[in-house]
Amino acid sequence: SVLLSVVSVLAVVVMVNYLGSRHFARFHVTGDTRYQLSPLTRPLLRPLTNEVRVVVFFEPAPQATLYSAVKSLITEYQMASPMLKLEFVDYRVSPTRAVQLRDQYQLSTTENPNLVIFEANGRHRIVHEHELSEYDLSGIMEGLPARRSVFRGEQFFTSAIIGVSDSAPVHAYYLEGHGEHDPRSQDGTQGYAGFAQLLREKNIELA
C-alpha cells in the first residue's frame, strides 16, 4: 500500500506539472506597468495563426537601459502568443550573424544598429531604437541632458506584428496637384507628415 501511495502521489505531481505547463497564468506583483501588455494588445495576439519571427538586434550593454525595456516587453509578447519566435542578436558578439541580418534586410551600416525586426508571410517591418522613446527636453536650456520620459515599445511592436501578419494590408490614398496638404511635409501648419506617420503606425499604407 505504501508503494501504491507513492506511485499515486508521483502520478498526481506529473499531471499537475503537465497541466501547469499548458495552462498557466502570469501575474505582475510590482507597480511598474511599463512592460505589461495592455488590454488592447492581448486580443490582437490571440488570433495569430502564422509564425511571427522577431529578431532583437541590439547591443545588451550594461548601461543600455532601453535594451532591458525592449527585452522585458518582447518577452511578454512571447508569453502571450506561442506564435512569436524570438532571437536575440548581439552584433558585437556575433558579427557573422550580424552580417547575415544586414544583408537579408538591407540594413544600413552607418545608422544606429539597435533595432527590432518583425517578419511573417514574406513581409518584414523594422522598429528602430530612436522610435521607441519620447524625451523630455525641458532641461536642455539649463545644460541638462535629454531624459527618456515615455517608452513607446508596445505601440510600435503591436503595430509591426499586426502589419506583417495581416494578409490584406489597408491602404489610404491621397490626391496631389490641386493645392492639397502634403503628407510628406514637416511644416508645422501646412504639412501632414505627422498624420501620415500616425496612419503608418496603425498599419495603414499610404500612397
N, C-alpha and C. Protein backbone atom coordinates (compact mmCIF):
# COMPACT_ATOMS: atom_id res chain seq x y z
N SER A 1 0.83 -1.22 0.00
CA SER A 1 0.00 0.00 0.00
C SER A 1 0.86 1.26 0.00
N VAL A 2 2.01 1.18 0.65
CA VAL A 2 2.92 2.33 0.65
C VAL A 2 3.42 2.61 -0.77
N LEU A 3 3.81 1.53 -1.46
CA LEU A 3 4.29 1.70 -2.83
C LEU A 3 3.19 2.28 -3.72
N LEU A 4 1.95 1.82 -3.54
CA LEU A 4 0.84 2.33 -4.32
C LEU A 4 0.60 3.81 -4.04
N SER A 5 0.72 4.21 -2.78
CA SER A 5 0.54 5.62 -2.40
C SER A 5 1.62 6.50 -3.04
N VAL A 6 2.87 6.01 -3.00
CA VAL A 6 3.97 6.79 -3.59
C VAL A 6 3.75 6.97 -5.08
N VAL A 7 3.37 5.86 -5.77
CA VAL A 7 3.13 5.94 -7.20
C VAL A 7 1.97 6.89 -7.51
N SER A 8 0.93 6.86 -6.69
CA SER A 8 -0.23 7.73 -6.90
C SER A 8 0.16 9.19 -6.74
N VAL A 9 0.95 9.49 -5.70
CA VAL A 9 1.39 10.87 -5.48
C VAL A 9 2.24 11.34 -6.64
N LEU A 10 3.17 10.51 -7.11
CA LEU A 10 4.01 10.90 -8.23
C LEU A 10 3.18 11.13 -9.49
N ALA A 11 2.17 10.30 -9.70
CA ALA A 11 1.31 10.47 -10.87
C ALA A 11 0.56 11.80 -10.80
N VAL A 12 0.07 12.15 -9.60
CA VAL A 12 -0.63 13.42 -9.43
C VAL A 12 0.31 14.59 -9.69
N VAL A 13 1.56 14.50 -9.18
CA VAL A 13 2.54 15.57 -9.37
C VAL A 13 2.84 15.76 -10.86
N VAL A 14 3.02 14.64 -11.57
CA VAL A 14 3.30 14.72 -13.01
C VAL A 14 2.14 15.36 -13.75
N MET A 15 0.92 14.96 -13.42
CA MET A 15 -0.25 15.51 -14.10
C MET A 15 -0.41 17.00 -13.83
N VAL A 16 -0.18 17.40 -12.58
CA VAL A 16 -0.30 18.82 -12.22
C VAL A 16 0.73 19.65 -12.97
N ASN A 17 1.97 19.15 -13.05
CA ASN A 17 3.02 19.88 -13.77
C ASN A 17 2.72 19.94 -15.26
N TYR A 18 2.16 18.86 -15.81
CA TYR A 18 1.81 18.86 -17.23
C TYR A 18 0.73 19.89 -17.52
N LEU A 19 -0.31 19.89 -16.69
CA LEU A 19 -1.39 20.85 -16.88
C LEU A 19 -0.89 22.27 -16.64
N GLY A 20 -0.02 22.44 -15.65
CA GLY A 20 0.51 23.77 -15.35
C GLY A 20 1.35 24.34 -16.46
N SER A 21 2.05 23.45 -17.19
CA SER A 21 2.89 23.93 -18.30
C SER A 21 2.06 24.35 -19.50
N ARG A 22 0.84 23.77 -19.62
CA ARG A 22 -0.01 24.08 -20.76
C ARG A 22 -1.06 25.14 -20.46
N HIS A 23 -1.44 25.28 -19.22
CA HIS A 23 -2.46 26.24 -18.83
C HIS A 23 -1.96 26.99 -17.59
N PHE A 24 -1.38 28.13 -17.84
CA PHE A 24 -0.83 28.89 -16.72
C PHE A 24 -1.20 30.35 -16.85
N ALA A 25 -1.09 31.06 -15.75
CA ALA A 25 -1.37 32.50 -15.73
C ALA A 25 -0.20 33.21 -15.08
N ARG A 26 0.14 34.36 -15.61
CA ARG A 26 1.24 35.15 -15.05
C ARG A 26 0.66 36.41 -14.44
N PHE A 27 1.18 36.77 -13.26
CA PHE A 27 0.69 37.94 -12.55
C PHE A 27 1.87 38.85 -12.23
N HIS A 28 1.66 40.15 -12.43
CA HIS A 28 2.67 41.13 -12.06
C HIS A 28 2.42 41.57 -10.62
N VAL A 29 3.47 41.48 -9.81
CA VAL A 29 3.33 41.85 -8.40
C VAL A 29 4.01 43.18 -8.10
N THR A 30 4.59 43.81 -9.12
CA THR A 30 5.21 45.11 -8.92
C THR A 30 4.29 46.19 -9.45
N GLY A 31 4.60 47.43 -9.06
CA GLY A 31 3.79 48.56 -9.51
C GLY A 31 4.23 49.10 -10.86
N ASP A 32 5.30 48.54 -11.44
CA ASP A 32 5.81 49.01 -12.72
C ASP A 32 4.99 48.39 -13.85
N THR A 33 4.23 49.20 -14.54
CA THR A 33 3.36 48.70 -15.61
C THR A 33 3.92 48.97 -17.00
N ARG A 34 5.17 49.44 -17.08
CA ARG A 34 5.72 49.81 -18.38
C ARG A 34 5.84 48.61 -19.31
N TYR A 35 6.09 47.43 -18.76
CA TYR A 35 6.35 46.26 -19.59
C TYR A 35 5.22 45.25 -19.53
N GLN A 36 4.03 45.69 -19.14
CA GLN A 36 2.86 44.84 -19.17
C GLN A 36 2.04 45.15 -20.43
N LEU A 37 1.54 44.13 -21.06
CA LEU A 37 0.74 44.33 -22.26
C LEU A 37 -0.62 44.89 -21.88
N SER A 38 -1.09 45.83 -22.67
CA SER A 38 -2.38 46.47 -22.41
C SER A 38 -3.52 45.55 -22.82
N PRO A 39 -4.73 45.81 -22.31
CA PRO A 39 -5.91 45.02 -22.74
C PRO A 39 -6.21 45.15 -24.22
N LEU A 40 -5.68 46.15 -24.88
CA LEU A 40 -5.90 46.31 -26.32
C LEU A 40 -5.01 45.37 -27.14
N THR A 41 -3.81 45.08 -26.62
CA THR A 41 -2.87 44.26 -27.37
C THR A 41 -3.18 42.78 -27.29
N ARG A 42 -3.54 42.30 -26.12
CA ARG A 42 -3.74 40.86 -25.93
C ARG A 42 -4.76 40.25 -26.90
N PRO A 43 -5.93 40.87 -27.11
CA PRO A 43 -6.89 40.28 -28.07
C PRO A 43 -6.35 40.24 -29.49
N LEU A 44 -5.42 41.13 -29.83
CA LEU A 44 -4.85 41.13 -31.18
C LEU A 44 -3.86 39.99 -31.38
N LEU A 45 -3.29 39.48 -30.30
CA LEU A 45 -2.31 38.41 -30.40
C LEU A 45 -2.96 37.03 -30.46
N ARG A 46 -4.12 36.89 -29.86
CA ARG A 46 -4.76 35.56 -29.78
C ARG A 46 -5.08 34.96 -31.13
N PRO A 47 -5.56 35.73 -32.12
CA PRO A 47 -5.92 35.11 -33.41
C PRO A 47 -4.74 34.75 -34.30
N LEU A 48 -3.50 35.05 -33.89
CA LEU A 48 -2.36 34.79 -34.76
C LEU A 48 -2.28 33.30 -35.09
N THR A 49 -2.20 32.99 -36.37
CA THR A 49 -2.08 31.61 -36.81
C THR A 49 -0.75 31.34 -37.51
N ASN A 50 -0.13 32.39 -38.03
CA ASN A 50 1.17 32.24 -38.68
C ASN A 50 2.28 32.65 -37.73
N GLU A 51 3.40 32.00 -37.87
CA GLU A 51 4.55 32.30 -37.03
C GLU A 51 5.11 33.69 -37.36
N VAL A 52 5.35 34.46 -36.33
CA VAL A 52 5.97 35.79 -36.48
C VAL A 52 7.37 35.72 -35.87
N ARG A 53 8.34 35.96 -36.69
CA ARG A 53 9.74 35.90 -36.25
C ARG A 53 10.16 37.29 -35.79
N VAL A 54 10.74 37.36 -34.61
CA VAL A 54 11.17 38.63 -34.05
C VAL A 54 12.66 38.54 -33.73
N VAL A 55 13.44 39.45 -34.30
CA VAL A 55 14.88 39.49 -34.04
C VAL A 55 15.19 40.79 -33.31
N VAL A 56 15.67 40.68 -32.08
CA VAL A 56 16.10 41.85 -31.31
C VAL A 56 17.59 42.05 -31.60
N PHE A 57 17.87 43.00 -32.47
CA PHE A 57 19.23 43.25 -32.96
C PHE A 57 19.80 44.42 -32.15
N PHE A 58 20.28 44.11 -30.96
CA PHE A 58 20.68 45.13 -30.00
C PHE A 58 22.01 44.76 -29.36
N GLU A 59 22.70 45.79 -28.87
CA GLU A 59 23.86 45.56 -28.02
C GLU A 59 23.41 45.62 -26.56
N PRO A 60 23.44 44.50 -25.84
CA PRO A 60 22.97 44.49 -24.45
C PRO A 60 24.01 45.01 -23.47
N ALA A 61 24.46 46.25 -23.67
CA ALA A 61 25.46 46.84 -22.78
C ALA A 61 24.86 47.11 -21.41
N PRO A 62 25.67 47.08 -20.35
CA PRO A 62 25.14 47.32 -19.01
C PRO A 62 24.42 48.65 -18.87
N GLN A 63 24.88 49.67 -19.60
CA GLN A 63 24.26 50.99 -19.50
C GLN A 63 23.08 51.15 -20.45
N ALA A 64 22.80 50.12 -21.25
CA ALA A 64 21.73 50.22 -22.24
C ALA A 64 20.39 49.88 -21.58
N THR A 65 19.81 50.86 -20.91
CA THR A 65 18.54 50.62 -20.22
C THR A 65 17.41 50.35 -21.21
N LEU A 66 17.51 50.88 -22.41
CA LEU A 66 16.48 50.64 -23.41
C LEU A 66 16.45 49.18 -23.81
N TYR A 67 17.61 48.56 -23.88
CA TYR A 67 17.64 47.13 -24.21
C TYR A 67 16.88 46.31 -23.17
N SER A 68 17.04 46.64 -21.92
CA SER A 68 16.33 45.92 -20.87
C SER A 68 14.83 46.09 -21.02
N ALA A 69 14.39 47.30 -21.39
CA ALA A 69 12.97 47.55 -21.60
C ALA A 69 12.45 46.75 -22.78
N VAL A 70 13.21 46.74 -23.87
CA VAL A 70 12.80 46.00 -25.07
C VAL A 70 12.72 44.51 -24.77
N LYS A 71 13.72 43.98 -24.09
CA LYS A 71 13.75 42.55 -23.78
C LYS A 71 12.58 42.16 -22.88
N SER A 72 12.31 42.96 -21.86
CA SER A 72 11.22 42.66 -20.94
C SER A 72 9.88 42.67 -21.66
N LEU A 73 9.67 43.68 -22.51
CA LEU A 73 8.38 43.81 -23.18
C LEU A 73 8.19 42.73 -24.24
N ILE A 74 9.21 42.47 -25.04
CA ILE A 74 9.05 41.49 -26.11
C ILE A 74 8.88 40.09 -25.54
N THR A 75 9.43 39.84 -24.36
CA THR A 75 9.22 38.56 -23.70
C THR A 75 7.76 38.41 -23.28
N GLU A 76 7.13 39.52 -22.89
CA GLU A 76 5.70 39.49 -22.56
C GLU A 76 4.88 39.10 -23.79
N TYR A 77 5.27 39.60 -24.94
CA TYR A 77 4.58 39.22 -26.18
C TYR A 77 4.71 37.72 -26.43
N GLN A 78 5.91 37.19 -26.25
CA GLN A 78 6.13 35.77 -26.48
C GLN A 78 5.31 34.92 -25.52
N MET A 79 5.20 35.34 -24.28
CA MET A 79 4.41 34.61 -23.30
C MET A 79 2.92 34.67 -23.63
N ALA A 80 2.51 35.75 -24.28
CA ALA A 80 1.08 35.92 -24.62
C ALA A 80 0.71 35.16 -25.89
N SER A 81 1.68 34.88 -26.76
CA SER A 81 1.38 34.18 -28.01
C SER A 81 2.51 33.22 -28.36
N PRO A 82 2.21 31.93 -28.47
CA PRO A 82 3.25 30.96 -28.85
C PRO A 82 3.69 31.11 -30.30
N MET A 83 3.00 31.94 -31.08
CA MET A 83 3.35 32.11 -32.48
C MET A 83 4.55 33.05 -32.66
N LEU A 84 4.97 33.72 -31.62
CA LEU A 84 6.13 34.61 -31.72
C LEU A 84 7.40 33.83 -31.40
N LYS A 85 8.35 33.89 -32.30
CA LYS A 85 9.62 33.20 -32.14
C LYS A 85 10.73 34.26 -32.01
N LEU A 86 11.38 34.29 -30.88
CA LEU A 86 12.34 35.36 -30.59
C LEU A 86 13.77 34.91 -30.86
N GLU A 87 14.56 35.86 -31.30
CA GLU A 87 16.00 35.68 -31.43
C GLU A 87 16.68 36.96 -30.98
N PHE A 88 17.63 36.85 -30.06
CA PHE A 88 18.38 38.00 -29.60
C PHE A 88 19.78 37.92 -30.20
N VAL A 89 20.17 38.98 -30.91
CA VAL A 89 21.46 39.00 -31.59
C VAL A 89 22.25 40.21 -31.10
N ASP A 90 23.37 39.94 -30.44
CA ASP A 90 24.32 41.00 -30.07
C ASP A 90 25.32 41.11 -31.21
N TYR A 91 25.24 42.19 -31.97
CA TYR A 91 26.04 42.30 -33.19
C TYR A 91 27.53 42.41 -32.89
N ARG A 92 27.92 42.74 -31.67
CA ARG A 92 29.35 42.79 -31.34
C ARG A 92 29.89 41.40 -31.01
N VAL A 93 29.06 40.58 -30.40
CA VAL A 93 29.48 39.23 -30.02
C VAL A 93 29.32 38.26 -31.17
N SER A 94 28.32 38.48 -32.04
CA SER A 94 28.03 37.57 -33.15
C SER A 94 28.12 38.32 -34.48
N PRO A 95 29.33 38.70 -34.90
CA PRO A 95 29.46 39.50 -36.13
C PRO A 95 29.01 38.77 -37.38
N THR A 96 29.20 37.45 -37.44
CA THR A 96 28.78 36.71 -38.63
C THR A 96 27.27 36.75 -38.79
N ARG A 97 26.56 36.52 -37.70
CA ARG A 97 25.10 36.58 -37.73
C ARG A 97 24.64 38.00 -38.04
N ALA A 98 25.36 38.99 -37.53
CA ALA A 98 25.00 40.39 -37.79
C ALA A 98 25.11 40.71 -39.27
N VAL A 99 26.14 40.21 -39.92
CA VAL A 99 26.31 40.45 -41.36
C VAL A 99 25.19 39.78 -42.14
N GLN A 100 24.79 38.57 -41.73
CA GLN A 100 23.69 37.88 -42.40
C GLN A 100 22.40 38.70 -42.32
N LEU A 101 22.11 39.23 -41.14
CA LEU A 101 20.89 40.02 -40.97
C LEU A 101 20.96 41.31 -41.76
N ARG A 102 22.11 41.97 -41.76
CA ARG A 102 22.26 43.22 -42.53
C ARG A 102 22.04 42.97 -44.01
N ASP A 103 22.56 41.86 -44.53
CA ASP A 103 22.39 41.55 -45.94
C ASP A 103 20.94 41.16 -46.23
N GLN A 104 20.34 40.36 -45.36
CA GLN A 104 18.98 39.87 -45.59
C GLN A 104 17.96 40.99 -45.60
N TYR A 105 18.11 41.94 -44.66
CA TYR A 105 17.12 43.01 -44.53
C TYR A 105 17.63 44.35 -45.05
N GLN A 106 18.80 44.34 -45.71
CA GLN A 106 19.38 45.54 -46.30
C GLN A 106 19.50 46.66 -45.26
N LEU A 107 20.08 46.33 -44.13
CA LEU A 107 20.25 47.28 -43.06
C LEU A 107 21.44 48.19 -43.33
N SER A 108 21.30 49.44 -42.95
CA SER A 108 22.39 50.40 -43.13
C SER A 108 23.53 50.08 -42.16
N THR A 109 24.74 50.24 -42.63
CA THR A 109 25.90 50.02 -41.77
C THR A 109 26.36 51.30 -41.10
N THR A 110 25.74 52.43 -41.43
CA THR A 110 26.15 53.71 -40.86
C THR A 110 25.20 54.19 -39.77
N GLU A 111 23.91 53.79 -39.83
CA GLU A 111 22.95 54.23 -38.82
C GLU A 111 23.12 53.42 -37.53
N ASN A 112 22.49 53.91 -36.47
CA ASN A 112 22.49 53.19 -35.20
C ASN A 112 21.93 51.79 -35.44
N PRO A 113 22.71 50.74 -35.13
CA PRO A 113 22.26 49.39 -35.48
C PRO A 113 21.22 48.80 -34.54
N ASN A 114 20.94 49.43 -33.41
CA ASN A 114 19.97 48.87 -32.47
C ASN A 114 18.56 48.96 -33.04
N LEU A 115 17.93 47.81 -33.24
CA LEU A 115 16.58 47.77 -33.82
C LEU A 115 15.94 46.41 -33.55
N VAL A 116 14.64 46.32 -33.87
CA VAL A 116 13.89 45.08 -33.71
C VAL A 116 13.22 44.77 -35.05
N ILE A 117 13.39 43.54 -35.53
CA ILE A 117 12.86 43.13 -36.82
C ILE A 117 11.68 42.18 -36.61
N PHE A 118 10.58 42.43 -37.30
CA PHE A 118 9.40 41.57 -37.26
C PHE A 118 9.18 41.03 -38.68
N GLU A 119 8.99 39.70 -38.81
CA GLU A 119 8.83 39.11 -40.13
C GLU A 119 7.78 38.02 -40.11
N ALA A 120 6.90 38.01 -41.10
CA ALA A 120 5.90 36.96 -41.29
C ALA A 120 5.33 37.09 -42.69
N ASN A 121 4.91 35.99 -43.27
CA ASN A 121 4.27 35.99 -44.59
C ASN A 121 5.11 36.67 -45.67
N GLY A 122 6.43 36.57 -45.54
CA GLY A 122 7.30 37.17 -46.54
C GLY A 122 7.45 38.67 -46.43
N ARG A 123 6.86 39.28 -45.39
CA ARG A 123 6.97 40.72 -45.18
C ARG A 123 7.71 40.96 -43.87
N HIS A 124 8.36 42.11 -43.79
CA HIS A 124 9.03 42.45 -42.54
C HIS A 124 8.88 43.94 -42.25
N ARG A 125 8.96 44.25 -40.97
CA ARG A 125 8.95 45.63 -40.51
C ARG A 125 10.07 45.80 -39.49
N ILE A 126 10.65 46.98 -39.50
CA ILE A 126 11.77 47.27 -38.61
C ILE A 126 11.42 48.44 -37.70
N VAL A 127 11.62 48.24 -36.41
CA VAL A 127 11.41 49.30 -35.43
C VAL A 127 12.78 49.73 -34.91
N HIS A 128 13.13 50.98 -35.16
CA HIS A 128 14.45 51.48 -34.78
C HIS A 128 14.46 52.00 -33.34
N GLU A 129 15.65 52.04 -32.80
CA GLU A 129 15.81 52.45 -31.40
C GLU A 129 15.23 53.84 -31.15
N HIS A 130 15.46 54.78 -32.06
CA HIS A 130 15.02 56.16 -31.83
C HIS A 130 13.50 56.30 -31.83
N GLU A 131 12.78 55.31 -32.37
CA GLU A 131 11.32 55.37 -32.39
C GLU A 131 10.71 54.93 -31.06
N LEU A 132 11.48 54.29 -30.22
CA LEU A 132 10.94 53.65 -29.04
C LEU A 132 10.80 54.57 -27.83
N SER A 133 11.28 55.79 -27.94
CA SER A 133 11.26 56.68 -26.78
C SER A 133 10.80 58.07 -27.14
N GLU A 134 10.15 58.70 -26.18
CA GLU A 134 9.93 60.15 -26.22
C GLU A 134 10.81 60.76 -25.14
N TYR A 135 11.30 61.96 -25.40
CA TYR A 135 12.28 62.56 -24.50
C TYR A 135 11.76 63.87 -23.92
N ASP A 136 12.14 64.10 -22.69
CA ASP A 136 11.85 65.35 -22.01
C ASP A 136 13.02 66.30 -22.25
N LEU A 137 12.77 67.36 -22.99
CA LEU A 137 13.82 68.31 -23.36
C LEU A 137 13.78 69.58 -22.52
N SER A 138 13.02 69.57 -21.44
CA SER A 138 12.82 70.79 -20.66
C SER A 138 14.11 71.29 -20.02
N GLY A 139 15.07 70.42 -19.80
CA GLY A 139 16.30 70.85 -19.14
C GLY A 139 17.43 71.20 -20.08
N ILE A 140 17.17 71.17 -21.39
CA ILE A 140 18.23 71.43 -22.36
C ILE A 140 18.82 72.82 -22.19
N MET A 141 17.94 73.81 -21.99
CA MET A 141 18.42 75.19 -21.87
C MET A 141 19.27 75.38 -20.63
N GLU A 142 19.13 74.53 -19.65
CA GLU A 142 19.92 74.62 -18.42
C GLU A 142 21.15 73.72 -18.46
N GLY A 143 21.41 73.15 -19.61
CA GLY A 143 22.59 72.30 -19.75
C GLY A 143 22.38 70.87 -19.31
N LEU A 144 21.13 70.49 -19.03
CA LEU A 144 20.85 69.12 -18.60
C LEU A 144 20.60 68.24 -19.82
N PRO A 145 20.97 66.99 -19.76
CA PRO A 145 20.74 66.10 -20.91
C PRO A 145 19.26 65.78 -21.08
N ALA A 146 18.89 65.40 -22.30
CA ALA A 146 17.51 64.96 -22.56
C ALA A 146 17.24 63.70 -21.75
N ARG A 147 16.04 63.59 -21.21
CA ARG A 147 15.67 62.45 -20.36
C ARG A 147 14.54 61.67 -21.00
N ARG A 148 14.74 60.34 -21.07
CA ARG A 148 13.69 59.50 -21.65
C ARG A 148 12.47 59.53 -20.75
N SER A 149 11.33 59.97 -21.29
CA SER A 149 10.13 60.13 -20.47
C SER A 149 9.08 59.07 -20.74
N VAL A 150 9.00 58.59 -21.98
CA VAL A 150 7.97 57.62 -22.35
C VAL A 150 8.59 56.51 -23.19
N PHE A 151 8.32 55.27 -22.84
CA PHE A 151 8.74 54.11 -23.63
C PHE A 151 7.57 53.70 -24.53
N ARG A 152 7.77 53.74 -25.84
CA ARG A 152 6.69 53.52 -26.80
C ARG A 152 6.77 52.13 -27.44
N GLY A 153 7.39 51.19 -26.75
CA GLY A 153 7.59 49.87 -27.34
C GLY A 153 6.32 49.17 -27.75
N GLU A 154 5.31 49.15 -26.87
CA GLU A 154 4.09 48.40 -27.19
C GLU A 154 3.39 48.98 -28.42
N GLN A 155 3.37 50.28 -28.53
CA GLN A 155 2.71 50.91 -29.68
C GLN A 155 3.31 50.43 -31.00
N PHE A 156 4.64 50.40 -31.07
CA PHE A 156 5.30 50.03 -32.31
C PHE A 156 5.37 48.52 -32.51
N PHE A 157 5.55 47.76 -31.43
CA PHE A 157 5.64 46.31 -31.57
C PHE A 157 4.31 45.70 -32.02
N THR A 158 3.21 46.14 -31.39
CA THR A 158 1.90 45.63 -31.78
C THR A 158 1.59 45.99 -33.22
N SER A 159 1.89 47.23 -33.60
CA SER A 159 1.66 47.67 -34.97
C SER A 159 2.45 46.83 -35.96
N ALA A 160 3.71 46.53 -35.62
CA ALA A 160 4.55 45.75 -36.53
C ALA A 160 4.05 44.32 -36.65
N ILE A 161 3.63 43.71 -35.54
CA ILE A 161 3.15 42.33 -35.56
C ILE A 161 1.90 42.21 -36.41
N ILE A 162 0.95 43.11 -36.21
CA ILE A 162 -0.28 43.07 -37.00
C ILE A 162 0.02 43.39 -38.46
N GLY A 163 0.96 44.29 -38.69
CA GLY A 163 1.29 44.67 -40.05
C GLY A 163 1.86 43.53 -40.88
N VAL A 164 2.70 42.68 -40.27
CA VAL A 164 3.31 41.59 -41.04
C VAL A 164 2.43 40.34 -41.05
N SER A 165 1.50 40.22 -40.11
CA SER A 165 0.67 39.02 -40.03
C SER A 165 -0.64 39.16 -40.79
N ASP A 166 -1.12 40.38 -41.01
CA ASP A 166 -2.34 40.58 -41.78
C ASP A 166 -2.09 40.24 -43.25
N SER A 167 -2.97 39.46 -43.82
CA SER A 167 -2.80 39.06 -45.22
C SER A 167 -3.16 40.17 -46.20
N ALA A 168 -4.08 41.04 -45.81
CA ALA A 168 -4.52 42.10 -46.71
C ALA A 168 -4.31 43.46 -46.04
N PRO A 169 -3.23 44.16 -46.36
CA PRO A 169 -2.99 45.47 -45.74
C PRO A 169 -4.02 46.50 -46.19
N VAL A 170 -4.30 47.44 -45.32
CA VAL A 170 -5.24 48.53 -45.62
C VAL A 170 -4.46 49.68 -46.26
N HIS A 171 -5.04 50.25 -47.30
CA HIS A 171 -4.39 51.36 -48.00
C HIS A 171 -5.21 52.63 -47.83
N ALA A 172 -4.50 53.75 -47.72
CA ALA A 172 -5.13 55.07 -47.74
C ALA A 172 -4.45 55.86 -48.86
N TYR A 173 -5.26 56.42 -49.75
CA TYR A 173 -4.71 57.16 -50.89
C TYR A 173 -5.02 58.65 -50.74
N TYR A 174 -4.10 59.48 -51.20
CA TYR A 174 -4.28 60.93 -51.15
C TYR A 174 -4.05 61.52 -52.55
N LEU A 175 -4.71 62.63 -52.78
CA LEU A 175 -4.55 63.34 -54.06
C LEU A 175 -3.48 64.41 -53.93
N GLU A 176 -2.88 64.76 -55.05
CA GLU A 176 -1.93 65.86 -55.06
C GLU A 176 -2.02 66.59 -56.39
N GLY A 177 -1.51 67.81 -56.39
CA GLY A 177 -1.53 68.61 -57.61
C GLY A 177 -2.65 69.63 -57.65
N HIS A 178 -3.43 69.74 -56.55
CA HIS A 178 -4.53 70.71 -56.52
C HIS A 178 -4.47 71.56 -55.25
N GLY A 179 -3.27 71.69 -54.71
CA GLY A 179 -3.10 72.52 -53.52
C GLY A 179 -3.38 71.80 -52.21
N GLU A 180 -3.47 70.46 -52.25
CA GLU A 180 -3.72 69.73 -51.01
C GLU A 180 -2.50 69.81 -50.07
N HIS A 181 -2.77 69.57 -48.78
CA HIS A 181 -1.67 69.49 -47.82
C HIS A 181 -0.79 68.29 -48.14
N ASP A 182 0.52 68.47 -48.03
CA ASP A 182 1.47 67.44 -48.42
C ASP A 182 1.75 66.51 -47.23
N PRO A 183 1.44 65.22 -47.34
CA PRO A 183 1.70 64.30 -46.24
C PRO A 183 3.18 63.98 -46.04
N ARG A 184 4.03 64.49 -46.93
CA ARG A 184 5.47 64.31 -46.76
C ARG A 184 6.14 65.52 -46.13
N SER A 185 5.39 66.60 -45.98
CA SER A 185 5.95 67.84 -45.46
C SER A 185 5.94 67.87 -43.94
N GLN A 186 7.05 68.36 -43.36
CA GLN A 186 7.18 68.50 -41.92
C GLN A 186 6.75 69.88 -41.43
N ASP A 187 6.23 70.71 -42.34
CA ASP A 187 5.80 72.05 -41.96
C ASP A 187 4.74 71.99 -40.86
N GLY A 188 4.94 72.77 -39.83
CA GLY A 188 4.07 72.69 -38.66
C GLY A 188 2.63 73.10 -38.89
N THR A 189 2.37 73.93 -39.90
CA THR A 189 1.00 74.40 -40.15
C THR A 189 0.40 73.83 -41.42
N GLN A 190 1.22 73.54 -42.43
CA GLN A 190 0.71 73.06 -43.71
C GLN A 190 1.00 71.59 -43.99
N GLY A 191 2.03 71.06 -43.34
CA GLY A 191 2.43 69.68 -43.62
C GLY A 191 1.60 68.66 -42.85
N TYR A 192 1.38 67.52 -43.48
CA TYR A 192 0.61 66.44 -42.85
C TYR A 192 1.50 65.23 -42.54
N ALA A 193 2.79 65.45 -42.38
CA ALA A 193 3.70 64.33 -42.13
C ALA A 193 3.35 63.61 -40.83
N GLY A 194 2.93 64.37 -39.82
CA GLY A 194 2.56 63.75 -38.54
C GLY A 194 1.36 62.84 -38.69
N PHE A 195 0.38 63.29 -39.46
CA PHE A 195 -0.82 62.47 -39.71
C PHE A 195 -0.47 61.22 -40.52
N ALA A 196 0.42 61.40 -41.51
CA ALA A 196 0.83 60.26 -42.33
C ALA A 196 1.55 59.22 -41.48
N GLN A 197 2.39 59.69 -40.56
CA GLN A 197 3.10 58.76 -39.68
C GLN A 197 2.13 58.01 -38.78
N LEU A 198 1.10 58.70 -38.31
CA LEU A 198 0.08 58.06 -37.47
C LEU A 198 -0.62 56.94 -38.23
N LEU A 199 -0.92 57.17 -39.51
CA LEU A 199 -1.55 56.13 -40.32
C LEU A 199 -0.62 54.92 -40.47
N ARG A 200 0.64 55.16 -40.70
CA ARG A 200 1.59 54.04 -40.86
C ARG A 200 1.70 53.24 -39.56
N GLU A 201 1.69 53.93 -38.43
CA GLU A 201 1.76 53.24 -37.14
C GLU A 201 0.53 52.37 -36.90
N LYS A 202 -0.56 52.67 -37.58
CA LYS A 202 -1.80 51.90 -37.46
C LYS A 202 -1.90 50.86 -38.59
N ASN A 203 -0.76 50.56 -39.23
CA ASN A 203 -0.73 49.55 -40.29
C ASN A 203 -1.53 49.94 -41.53
N ILE A 204 -1.64 51.24 -41.79
CA ILE A 204 -2.31 51.72 -43.00
C ILE A 204 -1.26 52.24 -43.95
N GLU A 205 -1.17 51.63 -45.12
CA GLU A 205 -0.17 52.01 -46.09
C GLU A 205 -0.64 53.21 -46.89
N LEU A 206 0.22 54.22 -46.98
CA LEU A 206 -0.12 55.49 -47.62
C LEU A 206 0.44 55.52 -49.04
N ALA A 207 -0.39 55.98 -49.97
CA ALA A 207 0.07 56.03 -51.37
C ALA A 207 -0.65 57.14 -52.10
